[in-house]
Amino acid sequence: YGSQAIGGVVNVIDRRIPTVVPDHTIHIDALTAFDTASNLRSG
């Protein structure tokens, strides 16, 4: 993956380019989180 990877590689997989047709026409994934240490609001 390149000479800059002499220590290693971290590869993040997302699905922004689909490679399969969803079984039910529409497929949805979601994740939301809140915390106390940083007053996190995320989704």
All heavy atoms as atom14 arrays in JSON, in Angstrom:
{
  "sequence": "YGSQAIGGVVNVIDRRIPTVVPDHTIHIDALTAFDTASNLRSG",
  "atom14_mask": [
    [1, 1, 1, 1, 1, 1, 1, 1, 1, 1, 1, 1, 0, 0],
    [1, 1, 1, 1, 0, 0, 0, 0, 0, 0, 0, 0, 0, 0],
    [1, 1, 1, 1, 1, 1, 0, 0, 0, 0, 0, 0, 0, 0],
    [1, 1, 1, 1, 1, 1, 1, 1, 1, 0, 0, 0, 0, 0],
    [1, 1, 1, 1, 1, 0, 0, 0, 0, 0, 0, 0, 0, 0],
    [1, 1, 1, 1, 1, 1, 1, 1, 0, 0, 0, 0, 0, 0],
    [1, 1, 1, 1, 0, 0, 0, 0, 0, 0, 0, 0, 0, 0],
    [1, 1, 1, 1, 0, 0, 0, 0, 0, 0, 0, 0, 0, 0],
    [1, 1, 1, 1, 1, 1, 1, 0, 0, 0, 0, 0, 0, 0],
    [1, 1, 1, 1, 1, 1, 1, 0, 0, 0, 0, 0, 0, 0],
    [1, 1, 1, 1, 1, 1, 1, 1, 0, 0, 0, 0, 0, 0],
    [1, 1, 1, 1, 1, 1, 1, 0, 0, 0, 0, 0, 0, 0],
    [1, 1, 1, 1, 1, 1, 1, 1, 0, 0, 0, 0, 0, 0],
    [1, 1, 1, 1, 1, 1, 1, 1, 0, 0, 0, 0, 0, 0],
    [1, 1, 1, 1, 1, 1, 1, 1, 1, 1, 1, 0, 0, 0],
    [1, 1, 1, 1, 1, 1, 1, 1, 1, 1, 1, 0, 0, 0],
    [1, 1, 1, 1, 1, 1, 1, 1, 0, 0, 0, 0, 0, 0],
    [1, 1, 1, 1, 1, 1, 1, 0, 0, 0, 0, 0, 0, 0],
    [1, 1, 1, 1, 1, 1, 1, 0, 0, 0, 0, 0, 0, 0],
    [1, 1, 1, 1, 1, 1, 1, 0, 0, 0, 0, 0, 0, 0],
    [1, 1, 1, 1, 1, 1, 1, 0, 0, 0, 0, 0, 0, 0],
    [1, 1, 1, 1, 1, 1, 1, 0, 0, 0, 0, 0, 0, 0],
    [1, 1, 1, 1, 1, 1, 1, 1, 0, 0, 0, 0, 0, 0],
    [1, 1, 1, 1, 1, 1, 1, 1, 1, 1, 0, 0, 0, 0],
    [1, 1, 1, 1, 1, 1, 1, 0, 0, 0, 0, 0, 0, 0],
    [1, 1, 1, 1, 1, 1, 1, 1, 0, 0, 0, 0, 0, 0],
    [1, 1, 1, 1, 1, 1, 1, 1, 1, 1, 0, 0, 0, 0],
    [1, 1, 1, 1, 1, 1, 1, 1, 0, 0, 0, 0, 0, 0],
    [1, 1, 1, 1, 1, 1, 1, 1, 0, 0, 0, 0, 0, 0],
    [1, 1, 1, 1, 1, 0, 0, 0, 0, 0, 0, 0, 0, 0],
    [1, 1, 1, 1, 1, 1, 1, 1, 0, 0, 0, 0, 0, 0],
    [1, 1, 1, 1, 1, 1, 1, 0, 0, 0, 0, 0, 0, 0],
    [1, 1, 1, 1, 1, 0, 0, 0, 0, 0, 0, 0, 0, 0],
    [1, 1, 1, 1, 1, 1, 1, 1, 1, 1, 1, 0, 0, 0],
    [1, 1, 1, 1, 1, 1, 1, 1, 0, 0, 0, 0, 0, 0],
    [1, 1, 1, 1, 1, 1, 1, 0, 0, 0, 0, 0, 0, 0],
    [1, 1, 1, 1, 1, 0, 0, 0, 0, 0, 0, 0, 0, 0],
    [1, 1, 1, 1, 1, 1, 0, 0, 0, 0, 0, 0, 0, 0],
    [1, 1, 1, 1, 1, 1, 1, 1, 0, 0, 0, 0, 0, 0],
    [1, 1, 1, 1, 1, 1, 1, 1, 0, 0, 0, 0, 0, 0],
    [1, 1, 1, 1, 1, 1, 1, 1, 1, 1, 1, 0, 0, 0],
    [1, 1, 1, 1, 1, 1, 0, 0, 0, 0, 0, 0, 0, 0],
    [1, 1, 1, 1, 0, 0, 0, 0, 0, 0, 0, 0, 0, 0]
  ],
  "atom14_positions": [
    [[0.8, -1.22, 0.0], [0.0, 0.0, 0.0], [0.83, 1.27, 0.0], [0.3, 2.36, 0.14], [-0.95, -0.02, 1.21], [-1.87, -1.2, 1.13], [-1.53, -2.39, 1.75], [-3.02, -1.15, 0.37], [-2.34, -3.5, 1.64], [-3.84, -2.26, 0.26], [-3.49, -3.43, 0.89], [-4.3, -4.53, 0.77], [0.0, 0.0, 0.0], [0.0, 0.0, 0.0]],
    [[2.13, 1.16, -0.15], [2.95, 2.35, -0.27], [4.12, 2.33, 0.69], [4.07, 1.74, 1.76], [0.0, 0.0, 0.0], [0.0, 0.0, 0.0], [0.0, 0.0, 0.0], [0.0, 0.0, 0.0], [0.0, 0.0, 0.0], [0.0, 0.0, 0.0], [0.0, 0.0, 0.0], [0.0, 0.0, 0.0], [0.0, 0.0, 0.0], [0.0, 0.0, 0.0]],
    [[5.19, 3.01, 0.3], [6.38, 3.05, 1.14], [6.1, 3.77, 2.45], [6.79, 3.55, 3.44], [7.53, 3.72, 0.39], [7.17, 5.05, 0.02], [0.0, 0.0, 0.0], [0.0, 0.0, 0.0], [0.0, 0.0, 0.0], [0.0, 0.0, 0.0], [0.0, 0.0, 0.0], [0.0, 0.0, 0.0], [0.0, 0.0, 0.0], [0.0, 0.0, 0.0]],
    [[5.08, 4.67, 2.48], [4.75, 5.36, 3.72], [4.16, 4.4, 4.75], [4.0, 4.77, 5.91], [3.75, 6.49, 3.49], [4.11, 7.4, 2.33], [3.35, 7.02, 1.08], [3.33, 5.87, 0.66], [2.72, 8.0, 0.47], [0.0, 0.0, 0.0], [0.0, 0.0, 0.0], [0.0, 0.0, 0.0], [0.0, 0.0, 0.0], [0.0, 0.0, 0.0]],
    [[3.8, 3.18, 4.35], [3.17, 2.23, 5.25], [4.19, 1.29, 5.88], [3.87, 0.16, 6.24], [2.11, 1.42, 4.5], [0.0, 0.0, 0.0], [0.0, 0.0, 0.0], [0.0, 0.0, 0.0], [0.0, 0.0, 0.0], [0.0, 0.0, 0.0], [0.0, 0.0, 0.0], [0.0, 0.0, 0.0], [0.0, 0.0, 0.0], [0.0, 0.0, 0.0]],
    [[5.43, 1.76, 6.04], [6.47, 0.91, 6.6], [6.11, 0.44, 8.01], [6.57, -0.6, 8.48], [7.82, 1.67, 6.6], [9.0, 0.73, 6.81], [7.82, 2.8, 7.61], [10.35, 1.4, 6.59], [0.0, 0.0, 0.0], [0.0, 0.0, 0.0], [0.0, 0.0, 0.0], [0.0, 0.0, 0.0], [0.0, 0.0, 0.0], [0.0, 0.0, 0.0]],
    [[5.25, 1.2, 8.71], [4.81, 0.79, 10.04], [3.51, 0.03, 10.06], [3.27, -0.75, 10.99], [0.0, 0.0, 0.0], [0.0, 0.0, 0.0], [0.0, 0.0, 0.0], [0.0, 0.0, 0.0], [0.0, 0.0, 0.0], [0.0, 0.0, 0.0], [0.0, 0.0, 0.0], [0.0, 0.0, 0.0], [0.0, 0.0, 0.0], [0.0, 0.0, 0.0]],
    [[2.66, 0.23, 9.06], [1.4, -0.49, 9.03], [0.32, 0.31, 8.31], [0.54, 1.43, 7.84], [0.0, 0.0, 0.0], [0.0, 0.0, 0.0], [0.0, 0.0, 0.0], [0.0, 0.0, 0.0], [0.0, 0.0, 0.0], [0.0, 0.0, 0.0], [0.0, 0.0, 0.0], [0.0, 0.0, 0.0], [0.0, 0.0, 0.0], [0.0, 0.0, 0.0]],
    [[-0.86, -0.29, 8.25], [-1.99, 0.28, 7.52], [-3.24, 0.19, 8.38], [-3.48, -0.81, 9.05], [-2.22, -0.47, 6.19], [-3.57, -0.12, 5.59], [-1.11, -0.14, 5.2], [0.0, 0.0, 0.0], [0.0, 0.0, 0.0], [0.0, 0.0, 0.0], [0.0, 0.0, 0.0], [0.0, 0.0, 0.0], [0.0, 0.0, 0.0], [0.0, 0.0, 0.0]],
    [[-4.03, 1.25, 8.35], [-5.39, 1.24, 8.9], [-6.33, 1.52, 7.74], [-6.24, 2.57, 7.11], [-5.57, 2.29, 10.02], [-7.04, 2.38, 10.43], [-4.7, 1.94, 11.22], [0.0, 0.0, 0.0], [0.0, 0.0, 0.0], [0.0, 0.0, 0.0], [0.0, 0.0, 0.0], [0.0, 0.0, 0.0], [0.0, 0.0, 0.0], [0.0, 0.0, 0.0]],
    [[-7.2, 0.58, 7.44], [-8.13, 0.74, 6.32], [-9.55, 0.81, 6.85], [-10.01, -0.09, 7.55], [-8.0, -0.43, 5.35], [-8.75, -0.16, 4.05], [-8.66, 0.92, 3.48], [-9.51, -1.13, 3.6], [0.0, 0.0, 0.0], [0.0, 0.0, 0.0], [0.0, 0.0, 0.0], [0.0, 0.0, 0.0], [0.0, 0.0, 0.0], [0.0, 0.0, 0.0]],
    [[-10.23, 1.89, 6.51], [-11.6, 2.11, 6.96], [-12.55, 1.77, 5.81], [-12.42, 2.31, 4.71], [-11.79, 3.57, 7.4], [-13.24, 3.84, 7.74], [-10.89, 3.86, 8.6], [0.0, 0.0, 0.0], [0.0, 0.0, 0.0], [0.0, 0.0, 0.0], [0.0, 0.0, 0.0], [0.0, 0.0, 0.0], [0.0, 0.0, 0.0], [0.0, 0.0, 0.0]],
    [[-13.46, 0.86, 6.09], [-14.41, 0.41, 5.06], [-15.75, 1.09, 5.29], [-16.34, 0.99, 6.37], [-14.59, -1.12, 5.12], [-13.25, -1.83, 5.01], [-15.55, -1.59, 4.03], [-12.53, -1.61, 3.73], [0.0, 0.0, 0.0], [0.0, 0.0, 0.0], [0.0, 0.0, 0.0], [0.0, 0.0, 0.0], [0.0, 0.0, 0.0], [0.0, 0.0, 0.0]],
    [[-16.21, 1.8, 4.29], [-17.57, 2.3, 4.31], [-18.29, 1.8, 3.06], [-17.74, 0.99, 2.31], [-17.61, 3.83, 4.42], [-16.88, 4.52, 3.28], [-16.74, 3.91, 2.2], [-16.44, 5.67, 3.46], [0.0, 0.0, 0.0], [0.0, 0.0, 0.0], [0.0, 0.0, 0.0], [0.0, 0.0, 0.0], [0.0, 0.0, 0.0], [0.0, 0.0, 0.0]],
    [[-19.49, 2.25, 2.84], [-20.25, 1.75, 1.69], [-20.68, 2.88, 0.78], [-21.74, 2.81, 0.17], [-21.47, 0.95, 2.19], [-21.1, -0.34, 2.86], [-22.31, -1.2, 3.12], [-23.2, -0.57, 4.08], [-24.43, -1.0, 4.36], [-24.92, -2.05, 3.72], [-25.18, -0.4, 5.26], [0.0, 0.0, 0.0], [0.0, 0.0, 0.0], [0.0, 0.0, 0.0]],
    [[-19.83, 3.91, 0.69], [-20.24, 5.05, -0.12], [-20.32, 4.69, -1.61], [-20.99, 5.37, -2.38], [-19.31, 6.25, 0.1], [-17.88, 6.04, -0.34], [-17.05, 7.28, -0.07], [-16.83, 7.48, 1.35], [-16.12, 8.5, 1.85], [-15.6, 9.41, 1.04], [-15.92, 8.62, 3.14], [0.0, 0.0, 0.0], [0.0, 0.0, 0.0], [0.0, 0.0, 0.0]],
    [[-19.58, 3.62, -2.03], [-19.74, 3.09, -3.38], [-20.34, 1.68, -3.24], [-19.62, 0.73, -2.9], [-18.41, 3.04, -4.15], [-17.81, 4.44, -4.27], [-18.6, 2.43, -5.53], [-16.48, 4.48, -4.99], [0.0, 0.0, 0.0], [0.0, 0.0, 0.0], [0.0, 0.0, 0.0], [0.0, 0.0, 0.0], [0.0, 0.0, 0.0], [0.0, 0.0, 0.0]],
    [[-21.64, 1.5, -3.45], [-22.27, 0.19, -3.23], [-21.76, -0.87, -4.2], [-21.43, -0.58, -5.35], [-23.76, 0.48, -3.47], [-23.9, 1.96, -3.37], [-22.61, 2.53, -3.84], [0.0, 0.0, 0.0], [0.0, 0.0, 0.0], [0.0, 0.0, 0.0], [0.0, 0.0, 0.0], [0.0, 0.0, 0.0], [0.0, 0.0, 0.0], [0.0, 0.0, 0.0]],
    [[-21.69, -2.11, -3.71], [-21.27, -3.24, -4.55], [-22.31, -4.35, -4.59], [-22.08, -5.36, -5.25], [-19.94, -3.81, -4.05], [-20.08, -4.22, -2.68], [-18.82, -2.8, -4.17], [0.0, 0.0, 0.0], [0.0, 0.0, 0.0], [0.0, 0.0, 0.0], [0.0, 0.0, 0.0], [0.0, 0.0, 0.0], [0.0, 0.0, 0.0], [0.0, 0.0, 0.0]],
    [[-23.44, -4.17, -3.89], [-24.53, -5.14, -3.96], [-25.85, -4.39, -3.98], [-25.95, -3.25, -3.51], [-24.52, -6.13, -2.76], [-23.3, -7.02, -2.81], [-24.6, -5.39, -1.44], [0.0, 0.0, 0.0], [0.0, 0.0, 0.0], [0.0, 0.0, 0.0], [0.0, 0.0, 0.0], [0.0, 0.0, 0.0], [0.0, 0.0, 0.0], [0.0, 0.0, 0.0]],
    [[-26.88, -5.02, -4.52], [-28.23, -4.45, -4.52], [-28.91, -4.83, -3.21], [-28.9, -6.0, -2.83], [-29.05, -4.98, -5.71], [-30.47, -4.41, -5.67], [-28.36, -4.63, -7.03], [0.0, 0.0, 0.0], [0.0, 0.0, 0.0], [0.0, 0.0, 0.0], [0.0, 0.0, 0.0], [0.0, 0.0, 0.0], [0.0, 0.0, 0.0], [0.0, 0.0, 0.0]],
    [[-29.48, -3.87, -2.47], [-30.15, -4.21, -1.21], [-31.26, -5.22, -1.42], [-31.97, -5.19, -2.44], [-30.71, -2.87, -0.73], [-29.89, -1.84, -1.43], [-29.52, -2.43, -2.75], [0.0, 0.0, 0.0], [0.0, 0.0, 0.0], [0.0, 0.0, 0.0], [0.0, 0.0, 0.0], [0.0, 0.0, 0.0], [0.0, 0.0, 0.0], [0.0, 0.0, 0.0]],
    [[-31.4, -6.11, -0.48], [-32.4, -7.17, -0.59], [-33.82, -6.62, -0.58], [-34.7, -7.13, -1.27], [-32.2, -8.15, 0.57], [-33.15, -9.33, 0.49], [-33.35, -9.84, -0.63], [-33.68, -9.73, 1.54], [0.0, 0.0, 0.0], [0.0, 0.0, 0.0], [0.0, 0.0, 0.0], [0.0, 0.0, 0.0], [0.0, 0.0, 0.0], [0.0, 0.0, 0.0]],
    [[-34.05, -5.57, 0.19], [-35.4, -5.02, 0.33], [-35.5, -3.62, -0.27], [-36.22, -2.76, 0.26], [-35.81, -4.98, 1.81], [-35.83, -6.33, 2.45], [-36.72, -7.32, 2.08], [-35.05, -6.87, 3.42], [-36.5, -8.4, 2.81], [-35.48, -8.16, 3.63], [0.0, 0.0, 0.0], [0.0, 0.0, 0.0], [0.0, 0.0, 0.0], [0.0, 0.0, 0.0]],
    [[-34.78, -3.36, -1.34], [-34.78, -2.09, -2.07], [-34.11, -0.97, -1.28], [-33.28, -0.23, -1.81], [-36.21, -1.66, -2.46], [-36.82, -2.7, -3.2], [-36.17, -0.4, -3.31], [0.0, 0.0, 0.0], [0.0, 0.0, 0.0], [0.0, 0.0, 0.0], [0.0, 0.0, 0.0], [0.0, 0.0, 0.0], [0.0, 0.0, 0.0], [0.0, 0.0, 0.0]],
    [[-34.46, -0.84, 0.0], [-33.88, 0.22, 0.83], [-33.23, -0.41, 2.05], [-33.85, -1.24, 2.73], [-34.95, 1.24, 1.26], [-35.51, 1.97, 0.03], [-34.36, 2.24, 2.25], [-36.62, 2.95, 0.37], [0.0, 0.0, 0.0], [0.0, 0.0, 0.0], [0.0, 0.0, 0.0], [0.0, 0.0, 0.0], [0.0, 0.0, 0.0], [0.0, 0.0, 0.0]],
    [[-32.0, -0.03, 2.33], [-31.3, -0.5, 3.54], [-30.77, 0.71, 4.29], [-30.14, 1.59, 3.7], [-30.14, -1.43, 3.18], [-29.43, -1.98, 4.38], [-29.94, -3.01, 5.13], [-28.26, -1.61, 4.98], [-29.12, -3.27, 6.13], [-28.09, -2.43, 6.06], [0.0, 0.0, 0.0], [0.0, 0.0, 0.0], [0.0, 0.0, 0.0], [0.0, 0.0, 0.0]],
    [[-31.02, 0.75, 5.62], [-30.66, 1.9, 6.45], [-29.8, 1.44, 7.62], [-30.09, 0.44, 8.27], [-31.92, 2.62, 6.98], [-32.73, 3.2, 5.81], [-31.54, 3.73, 7.96], [-34.05, 3.81, 6.22], [0.0, 0.0, 0.0], [0.0, 0.0, 0.0], [0.0, 0.0, 0.0], [0.0, 0.0, 0.0], [0.0, 0.0, 0.0], [0.0, 0.0, 0.0]],
    [[-28.73, 2.18, 7.87], [-27.91, 2.01, 9.06], [-27.84, 3.35, 9.78], [-27.76, 4.4, 9.13], [-26.49, 1.56, 8.7], [-26.44, 0.15, 8.16], [-26.7, -0.78, 8.93], [-26.13, -0.01, 6.96], [0.0, 0.0, 0.0], [0.0, 0.0, 0.0], [0.0, 0.0, 0.0], [0.0, 0.0, 0.0], [0.0, 0.0, 0.0], [0.0, 0.0, 0.0]],
    [[-27.84, 3.3, 11.11], [-27.76, 4.54, 11.87], [-27.08, 4.28, 13.21], [-27.15, 3.17, 13.76], [-29.15, 5.14, 12.09], [0.0, 0.0, 0.0], [0.0, 0.0, 0.0], [0.0, 0.0, 0.0], [0.0, 0.0, 0.0], [0.0, 0.0, 0.0], [0.0, 0.0, 0.0], [0.0, 0.0, 0.0], [0.0, 0.0, 0.0], [0.0, 0.0, 0.0]],
    [[-26.42, 5.31, 13.73], [-25.75, 5.23, 15.03], [-25.78, 6.61, 15.66], [-25.4, 7.6, 15.03], [-24.3, 4.76, 14.86], [-23.43, 4.67, 16.11], [-24.03, 3.71, 17.13], [-22.01, 4.24, 15.74], [0.0, 0.0, 0.0], [0.0, 0.0, 0.0], [0.0, 0.0, 0.0], [0.0, 0.0, 0.0], [0.0, 0.0, 0.0], [0.0, 0.0, 0.0]],
    [[-26.26, 6.68, 16.89], [-26.28, 7.94, 17.63], [-25.73, 7.71, 19.02], [-25.86, 6.61, 19.57], [-27.71, 8.53, 17.7], [-27.68, 9.8, 18.33], [-28.64, 7.61, 18.47], [0.0, 0.0, 0.0], [0.0, 0.0, 0.0], [0.0, 0.0, 0.0], [0.0, 0.0, 0.0], [0.0, 0.0, 0.0], [0.0, 0.0, 0.0], [0.0, 0.0, 0.0]],
    [[-25.09, 8.74, 19.59], [-24.46, 8.57, 20.9], [-24.43, 9.9, 21.64], [-24.33, 10.97, 21.02], [-23.05, 8.01, 20.75], [0.0, 0.0, 0.0], [0.0, 0.0, 0.0], [0.0, 0.0, 0.0], [0.0, 0.0, 0.0], [0.0, 0.0, 0.0], [0.0, 0.0, 0.0], [0.0, 0.0, 0.0], [0.0, 0.0, 0.0], [0.0, 0.0, 0.0]],
    [[-24.5, 9.82, 22.98], [-24.42, 10.96, 23.87], [-23.56, 10.56, 25.07], [-23.62, 9.41, 25.51], [-25.81, 11.4, 24.34], [-26.77, 11.68, 23.21], [-27.51, 10.65, 22.64], [-26.91, 12.96, 22.71], [-28.39, 10.9, 21.59], [-27.79, 13.22, 21.66], [-28.52, 12.19, 21.1], [0.0, 0.0, 0.0], [0.0, 0.0, 0.0], [0.0, 0.0, 0.0]],
    [[-22.76, 11.51, 25.6], [-21.97, 11.14, 26.77], [-21.89, 12.3, 27.75], [-22.39, 13.41, 27.5], [-20.58, 10.63, 26.37], [-19.6, 11.71, 25.95], [-19.88, 12.91, 26.16], [-18.53, 11.38, 25.41], [0.0, 0.0, 0.0], [0.0, 0.0, 0.0], [0.0, 0.0, 0.0], [0.0, 0.0, 0.0], [0.0, 0.0, 0.0], [0.0, 0.0, 0.0]],
    [[-21.26, 12.03, 28.91], [-21.19, 13.02, 29.98], [-19.85, 13.74, 30.04], [-19.8, 14.91, 30.41], [-21.44, 12.34, 31.33], [-20.47, 11.29, 31.54], [-22.84, 11.73, 31.38], [0.0, 0.0, 0.0], [0.0, 0.0, 0.0], [0.0, 0.0, 0.0], [0.0, 0.0, 0.0], [0.0, 0.0, 0.0], [0.0, 0.0, 0.0], [0.0, 0.0, 0.0]],
    [[-18.75, 13.08, 29.69], [-17.43, 13.69, 29.86], [-17.2, 14.86, 28.91], [-16.48, 15.8, 29.25], [-16.34, 12.64, 29.65], [0.0, 0.0, 0.0], [0.0, 0.0, 0.0], [0.0, 0.0, 0.0], [0.0, 0.0, 0.0], [0.0, 0.0, 0.0], [0.0, 0.0, 0.0], [0.0, 0.0, 0.0], [0.0, 0.0, 0.0], [0.0, 0.0, 0.0]],
    [[-17.8, 14.82, 27.72], [-17.62, 15.91, 26.76], [-18.94, 16.54, 26.34], [-18.96, 17.36, 25.44], [-16.89, 15.4, 25.51], [-17.67, 14.42, 24.84], [0.0, 0.0, 0.0], [0.0, 0.0, 0.0], [0.0, 0.0, 0.0], [0.0, 0.0, 0.0], [0.0, 0.0, 0.0], [0.0, 0.0, 0.0], [0.0, 0.0, 0.0], [0.0, 0.0, 0.0]],
    [[-20.04, 16.12, 26.97], [-21.37, 16.55, 26.56], [-21.58, 16.26, 25.07], [-22.04, 17.1, 24.3], [-21.59, 18.03, 26.85], [-23.04, 18.45, 26.71], [-23.96, 17.62, 26.85], [-23.28, 19.72, 26.44], [0.0, 0.0, 0.0], [0.0, 0.0, 0.0], [0.0, 0.0, 0.0], [0.0, 0.0, 0.0], [0.0, 0.0, 0.0], [0.0, 0.0, 0.0]],
    [[-21.22, 15.05, 24.67], [-21.3, 14.63, 23.27], [-22.74, 14.62, 22.78], [-23.65, 14.11, 23.45], [-20.7, 13.23, 23.14], [-20.93, 12.49, 21.82], [-20.15, 13.15, 20.69], [-20.54, 11.02, 21.96], [0.0, 0.0, 0.0], [0.0, 0.0, 0.0], [0.0, 0.0, 0.0], [0.0, 0.0, 0.0], [0.0, 0.0, 0.0], [0.0, 0.0, 0.0]],
    [[-22.92, 15.17, 21.58], [-24.17, 15.03, 20.81], [-23.77, 14.59, 19.43], [-23.05, 15.31, 18.72], [-24.93, 16.36, 20.71], [-25.44, 16.9, 22.04], [-24.41, 17.77, 22.75], [-24.16, 19.02, 22.04], [-23.13, 19.81, 22.3], [-22.22, 19.47, 23.21], [-22.98, 20.94, 21.62], [0.0, 0.0, 0.0], [0.0, 0.0, 0.0], [0.0, 0.0, 0.0]],
    [[-24.18, 13.39, 19.02], [-23.72, 12.88, 17.73], [-24.75, 11.97, 17.1], [-25.57, 11.35, 17.78], [-22.39, 12.13, 17.9], [-22.59, 10.94, 18.64], [0.0, 0.0, 0.0], [0.0, 0.0, 0.0], [0.0, 0.0, 0.0], [0.0, 0.0, 0.0], [0.0, 0.0, 0.0], [0.0, 0.0, 0.0], [0.0, 0.0, 0.0], [0.0, 0.0, 0.0]],
    [[-24.66, 11.86, 15.79], [-25.52, 10.95, 15.05], [-25.04, 10.78, 13.63], [-24.47, 11.71, 13.04], [0.0, 0.0, 0.0], [0.0, 0.0, 0.0], [0.0, 0.0, 0.0], [0.0, 0.0, 0.0], [0.0, 0.0, 0.0], [0.0, 0.0, 0.0], [0.0, 0.0, 0.0], [0.0, 0.0, 0.0], [0.0, 0.0, 0.0], [0.0, 0.0, 0.0]]
  ]
}
